[in-house]
Amino acid sequence: MLLFRWAMLMLLLAAAVCFVFYAGTGQVRFKRYGLVTLKWTLIAAFAFFAILILERLG
């Protein structure tokens, strides 16, 4: 559980850094990296919480 929290924090931080690089340089590739990282982080988080909910129900 603690490992998952740290992984989510680091991935969100990486997405934020990509957006800061995009704001600083204006290069679209950093915006794309940030959005892709954010998308997969949110998908992983939703899957993790869905598994937790299913475990509590069963």
PDB file of N, CA and C in Angstrom:
ATOM      1  N   MET A   1       0.826  -1.185   0.000  1.00  0.00           N
ATOM      2  CA  MET A   1       0.000   0.000   0.000  1.00  0.00           C
ATOM      3  C   MET A   1       0.877   1.258   0.000  1.00  0.00           C
ATOM      4  N   LEU A   2       1.892   1.263   0.847  1.00  0.00           N
ATOM      5  CA  LEU A   2       2.775   2.416   0.920  1.00  0.00           C
ATOM      6  C   LEU A   2       3.545   2.585  -0.385  1.00  0.00           C
ATOM      7  N   LEU A   3       3.945   1.486  -0.978  1.00  0.00           N
ATOM      8  CA  LEU A   3       4.660   1.534  -2.253  1.00  0.00           C
ATOM      9  C   LEU A   3       3.776   2.139  -3.343  1.00  0.00           C
ATOM     10  N   PHE A   4       2.506   1.772  -3.362  1.00  0.00           N
ATOM     11  CA  PHE A   4       1.583   2.309  -4.355  1.00  0.00           C
ATOM     12  C   PHE A   4       1.418   3.815  -4.170  1.00  0.00           C
ATOM     13  N   ARG A   5       1.311   4.255  -2.928  1.00  0.00           N
ATOM     14  CA  ARG A   5       1.160   5.697  -2.673  1.00  0.00           C
ATOM     15  C   ARG A   5       2.375   6.470  -3.161  1.00  0.00           C
ATOM     16  N   TRP A   6       3.566   5.950  -2.895  1.00  0.00           N
ATOM     17  CA  TRP A   6       4.783   6.623  -3.348  1.00  0.00           C
ATOM     18  C   TRP A   6       4.879   6.614  -4.873  1.00  0.00           C
ATOM     19  N   ALA A   7       4.471   5.516  -5.487  1.00  0.00           N
ATOM     20  CA  ALA A   7       4.509   5.441  -6.945  1.00  0.00           C
ATOM     21  C   ALA A   7       3.559   6.468  -7.563  1.00  0.00           C
ATOM     22  N   MET A   8       2.363   6.595  -7.015  1.00  0.00           N
ATOM     23  CA  MET A   8       1.404   7.579  -7.511  1.00  0.00           C
ATOM     24  C   MET A   8       1.930   8.994  -7.320  1.00  0.00           C
ATOM     25  N   LEU A   9       2.526   9.257  -6.183  1.00  0.00           N
ATOM     26  CA  LEU A   9       3.084  10.581  -5.912  1.00  0.00           C
ATOM     27  C   LEU A   9       4.201  10.911  -6.904  1.00  0.00           C
ATOM     28  N   MET A  10       5.074   9.969  -7.150  1.00  0.00           N
ATOM     29  CA  MET A  10       6.188  10.211  -8.074  1.00  0.00           C
ATOM     30  C   MET A  10       5.689  10.401  -9.511  1.00  0.00           C
ATOM     31  N   LEU A  11       4.683   9.629  -9.913  1.00  0.00           N
ATOM     32  CA  LEU A  11       4.140   9.789 -11.258  1.00  0.00           C
ATOM     33  C   LEU A  11       3.430  11.134 -11.421  1.00  0.00           C
ATOM     34  N   LEU A  12       2.692  11.565 -10.408  1.00  0.00           N
ATOM     35  CA  LEU A  12       2.049  12.879 -10.476  1.00  0.00           C
ATOM     36  C   LEU A  12       3.088  13.991 -10.484  1.00  0.00           C
ATOM     37  N   LEU A  13       4.153  13.818  -9.730  1.00  0.00           N
ATOM     38  CA  LEU A  13       5.234  14.794  -9.724  1.00  0.00           C
ATOM     39  C   LEU A  13       5.909  14.848 -11.099  1.00  0.00           C
ATOM     40  N   ALA A  14       6.107  13.704 -11.722  1.00  0.00           N
ATOM     41  CA  ALA A  14       6.708  13.664 -13.064  1.00  0.00           C
ATOM     42  C   ALA A  14       5.818  14.378 -14.077  1.00  0.00           C
ATOM     43  N   ALA A  15       4.513  14.194 -13.977  1.00  0.00           N
ATOM     44  CA  ALA A  15       3.596  14.889 -14.882  1.00  0.00           C
ATOM     45  C   ALA A  15       3.664  16.403 -14.650  1.00  0.00           C
ATOM     46  N   ALA A  16       3.733  16.814 -13.382  1.00  0.00           N
ATOM     47  CA  ALA A  16       3.834  18.237 -13.079  1.00  0.00           C
ATOM     48  C   ALA A  16       5.124  18.833 -13.633  1.00  0.00           C
ATOM     49  N   VAL A  17       6.215  18.104 -13.515  1.00  0.00           N
ATOM     50  CA  VAL A  17       7.499  18.580 -14.057  1.00  0.00           C
ATOM     51  C   VAL A  17       7.412  18.719 -15.578  1.00  0.00           C
ATOM     52  N   CYS A  18       6.762  17.781 -16.234  1.00  0.00           N
ATOM     53  CA  CYS A  18       6.592  17.881 -17.688  1.00  0.00           C
ATOM     54  C   CYS A  18       5.801  19.124 -18.056  1.00  0.00           C
ATOM     55  N   PHE A  19       4.740  19.436 -17.299  1.00  0.00           N
ATOM     56  CA  PHE A  19       3.952  20.626 -17.591  1.00  0.00           C
ATOM     57  C   PHE A  19       4.742  21.908 -17.319  1.00  0.00           C
ATOM     58  N   VAL A  20       5.595  21.890 -16.305  1.00  0.00           N
ATOM     59  CA  VAL A  20       6.454  23.053 -16.040  1.00  0.00           C
ATOM     60  C   VAL A  20       7.447  23.236 -17.182  1.00  0.00           C
ATOM     61  N   PHE A  21       8.021  22.152 -17.673  1.00  0.00           N
ATOM     62  CA  PHE A  21       8.928  22.239 -18.820  1.00  0.00           C
ATOM     63  C   PHE A  21       8.187  22.787 -20.043  1.00  0.00           C
ATOM     64  N   TYR A  22       6.936  22.340 -20.237  1.00  0.00           N
ATOM     65  CA  TYR A  22       6.147  22.844 -21.354  1.00  0.00           C
ATOM     66  C   TYR A  22       5.908  24.345 -21.211  1.00  0.00           C
ATOM     67  N   ALA A  23       5.569  24.774 -20.008  1.00  0.00           N
ATOM     68  CA  ALA A  23       5.335  26.201 -19.780  1.00  0.00           C
ATOM     69  C   ALA A  23       6.612  27.012 -19.972  1.00  0.00           C
ATOM     70  N   GLY A  24       7.745  26.437 -19.615  1.00  0.00           N
ATOM     71  CA  GLY A  24       9.004  27.149 -19.731  1.00  0.00           C
ATOM     72  C   GLY A  24       9.562  27.191 -21.141  1.00  0.00           C
ATOM     73  N   THR A  25       9.405  26.096 -21.878  1.00  0.00           N
ATOM     74  CA  THR A  25      10.022  26.019 -23.204  1.00  0.00           C
ATOM     75  C   THR A  25       9.024  26.199 -24.346  1.00  0.00           C
ATOM     76  N   GLY A  26       7.767  25.863 -24.114  1.00  0.00           N
ATOM     77  CA  GLY A  26       6.767  25.944 -25.174  1.00  0.00           C
ATOM     78  C   GLY A  26       6.797  24.763 -26.132  1.00  0.00           C
ATOM     79  N   GLN A  27       7.624  23.752 -25.836  1.00  0.00           N
ATOM     80  CA  GLN A  27       7.699  22.582 -26.708  1.00  0.00           C
ATOM     81  C   GLN A  27       6.529  21.644 -26.405  1.00  0.00           C
ATOM     82  N   VAL A  28       5.825  21.300 -27.446  1.00  0.00           N
ATOM     83  CA  VAL A  28       4.600  20.506 -27.305  1.00  0.00           C
ATOM     84  C   VAL A  28       4.884  19.101 -26.788  1.00  0.00           C
ATOM     85  N   ARG A  29       6.085  18.584 -27.032  1.00  0.00           N
ATOM     86  CA  ARG A  29       6.383  17.216 -26.597  1.00  0.00           C
ATOM     87  C   ARG A  29       6.300  17.068 -25.089  1.00  0.00           C
ATOM     88  N   PHE A  30       6.639  18.109 -24.322  1.00  0.00           N
ATOM     89  CA  PHE A  30       6.546  18.028 -22.871  1.00  0.00           C
ATOM     90  C   PHE A  30       5.092  17.998 -22.410  1.00  0.00           C
ATOM     91  N   LYS A  31       4.240  18.728 -23.100  1.00  0.00           N
ATOM     92  CA  LYS A  31       2.809  18.694 -22.788  1.00  0.00           C
ATOM     93  C   LYS A  31       2.257  17.295 -23.043  1.00  0.00           C
ATOM     94  N   ARG A  32       2.665  16.695 -24.167  1.00  0.00           N
ATOM     95  CA  ARG A  32       2.216  15.345 -24.516  1.00  0.00           C
ATOM     96  C   ARG A  32       2.701  14.327 -23.482  1.00  0.00           C
ATOM     97  N   TYR A  33       3.979  14.427 -23.069  1.00  0.00           N
ATOM     98  CA  TYR A  33       4.511  13.527 -22.037  1.00  0.00           C
ATOM     99  C   TYR A  33       3.729  13.675 -20.734  1.00  0.00           C
ATOM    100  N   GLY A  34       3.434  14.904 -20.367  1.00  0.00           N
ATOM    101  CA  GLY A  34       2.689  15.149 -19.133  1.00  0.00           C
ATOM    102  C   GLY A  34       1.293  14.571 -19.171  1.00  0.00           C
ATOM    103  N   LEU A  35       0.611  14.749 -20.296  1.00  0.00           N
ATOM    104  CA  LEU A  35      -0.751  14.222 -20.419  1.00  0.00           C
ATOM    105  C   LEU A  35      -0.774  12.697 -20.421  1.00  0.00           C
ATOM    106  N   VAL A  36       0.187  12.092 -21.106  1.00  0.00           N
ATOM    107  CA  VAL A  36       0.252  10.621 -21.144  1.00  0.00           C
ATOM    108  C   VAL A  36       0.554  10.080 -19.744  1.00  0.00           C
ATOM    109  N   THR A  37       1.497  10.689 -19.059  1.00  0.00           N
ATOM    110  CA  THR A  37       1.832  10.253 -17.697  1.00  0.00           C
ATOM    111  C   THR A  37       0.638  10.413 -16.765  1.00  0.00           C
ATOM    112  N   LEU A  38      -0.040  11.544 -16.865  1.00  0.00           N
ATOM    113  CA  LEU A  38      -1.216  11.789 -16.021  1.00  0.00           C
ATOM    114  C   LEU A  38      -2.329  10.796 -16.325  1.00  0.00           C
ATOM    115  N   LYS A  39      -2.554  10.509 -17.603  1.00  0.00           N
ATOM    116  CA  LYS A  39      -3.610   9.567 -17.992  1.00  0.00           C
ATOM    117  C   LYS A  39      -3.365   8.183 -17.401  1.00  0.00           C
ATOM    118  N   TRP A  40      -2.156   7.658 -17.561  1.00  0.00           N
ATOM    119  CA  TRP A  40      -1.872   6.314 -17.068  1.00  0.00           C
ATOM    120  C   TRP A  40      -1.809   6.267 -15.546  1.00  0.00           C
ATOM    121  N   THR A  41      -1.428   7.365 -14.915  1.00  0.00           N
ATOM    122  CA  THR A  41      -1.451   7.422 -13.456  1.00  0.00           C
ATOM    123  C   THR A  41      -2.880   7.331 -12.947  1.00  0.00           C
ATOM    124  N   LEU A  42      -3.792   8.073 -13.564  1.00  0.00           N
ATOM    125  CA  LEU A  42      -5.188   8.030 -13.149  1.00  0.00           C
ATOM    126  C   LEU A  42      -5.833   6.674 -13.434  1.00  0.00           C
ATOM    127  N   ILE A  43      -5.495   6.062 -14.550  1.00  0.00           N
ATOM    128  CA  ILE A  43      -6.023   4.727 -14.851  1.00  0.00           C
ATOM    129  C   ILE A  43      -5.546   3.724 -13.809  1.00  0.00           C
ATOM    130  N   ALA A  44      -4.277   3.771 -13.454  1.00  0.00           N
ATOM    131  CA  ALA A  44      -3.737   2.858 -12.440  1.00  0.00           C
ATOM    132  C   ALA A  44      -4.385   3.107 -11.080  1.00  0.00           C
ATOM    133  N   ALA A  45      -4.610   4.365 -10.735  1.00  0.00           N
ATOM    134  CA  ALA A  45      -5.240   4.686  -9.452  1.00  0.00           C
ATOM    135  C   ALA A  45      -6.682   4.173  -9.408  1.00  0.00           C
ATOM    136  N   PHE A  46      -7.440   4.382 -10.478  1.00  0.00           N
ATOM    137  CA  PHE A  46      -8.821   3.894 -10.512  1.00  0.00           C
ATOM    138  C   PHE A  46      -8.876   2.374 -10.417  1.00  0.00           C
ATOM    139  N   ALA A  47      -7.968   1.703 -11.091  1.00  0.00           N
ATOM    140  CA  ALA A  47      -7.926   0.244 -11.021  1.00  0.00           C
ATOM    141  C   ALA A  47      -7.592  -0.221  -9.612  1.00  0.00           C
ATOM    142  N   PHE A  48      -6.631   0.434  -8.977  1.00  0.00           N
ATOM    143  CA  PHE A  48      -6.246   0.071  -7.625  1.00  0.00           C
ATOM    144  C   PHE A  48      -7.418   0.238  -6.651  1.00  0.00           C
ATOM    145  N   PHE A  49      -8.118   1.374  -6.735  1.00  0.00           N
ATOM    146  CA  PHE A  49      -9.232   1.596  -5.826  1.00  0.00           C
ATOM    147  C   PHE A  49     -10.417   0.687  -6.144  1.00  0.00           C
ATOM    148  N   ALA A  50     -10.588   0.318  -7.398  1.00  0.00           N
ATOM    149  CA  ALA A  50     -11.644  -0.638  -7.744  1.00  0.00           C
ATOM    150  C   ALA A  50     -11.359  -1.995  -7.115  1.00  0.00           C
ATOM    151  N   ILE A  51     -10.093  -2.403  -7.127  1.00  0.00           N
ATOM    152  CA  ILE A  51      -9.726  -3.671  -6.497  1.00  0.00           C
ATOM    153  C   ILE A  51      -9.953  -3.607  -4.988  1.00  0.00           C
ATOM    154  N   LEU A  52      -9.601  -2.481  -4.367  1.00  0.00           N
ATOM    155  CA  LEU A  52      -9.845  -2.340  -2.930  1.00  0.00           C
ATOM    156  C   LEU A  52     -11.337  -2.423  -2.601  1.00  0.00           C
ATOM    157  N   ILE A  53     -12.149  -1.789  -3.409  1.00  0.00           N
ATOM    158  CA  ILE A  53     -13.602  -1.818  -3.171  1.00  0.00           C
ATOM    159  C   ILE A  53     -14.148  -3.229  -3.349  1.00  0.00           C
ATOM    160  N   LEU A  54     -13.689  -3.930  -4.374  1.00  0.00           N
ATOM    161  CA  LEU A  54     -14.165  -5.299  -4.612  1.00  0.00           C
ATOM    162  C   LEU A  54     -13.738  -6.238  -3.481  1.00  0.00           C
ATOM    163  N   GLU A  55     -12.544  -6.020  -2.927  1.00  0.00           N
ATOM    164  CA  GLU A  55     -12.109  -6.845  -1.800  1.00  0.00           C
ATOM    165  C   GLU A  55     -12.969  -6.624  -0.569  1.00  0.00           C
ATOM    166  N   ARG A  56     -13.385  -5.395  -0.345  1.00  0.00           N
ATOM    167  CA  ARG A  56     -14.235  -5.100   0.819  1.00  0.00           C
ATOM    168  C   ARG A  56     -15.647  -5.653   0.654  1.00  0.00           C
ATOM    169  N   LEU A  57     -16.116  -5.728  -0.581  1.00  0.00           N
ATOM    170  CA  LEU A  57     -17.465  -6.244  -0.831  1.00  0.00           C
ATOM    171  C   LEU A  57     -17.500  -7.770  -0.693  1.00  0.00           C
ATOM    172  N   GLY A  58     -16.409  -8.437  -1.047  1.00  0.00           N
ATOM    173  CA  GLY A  58     -16.404  -9.892  -1.090  1.00  0.00           C
ATOM    174  C   GLY A  58     -15.951 -10.549   0.123  1.00  0.00           C
TER     175      GLY A  58
END
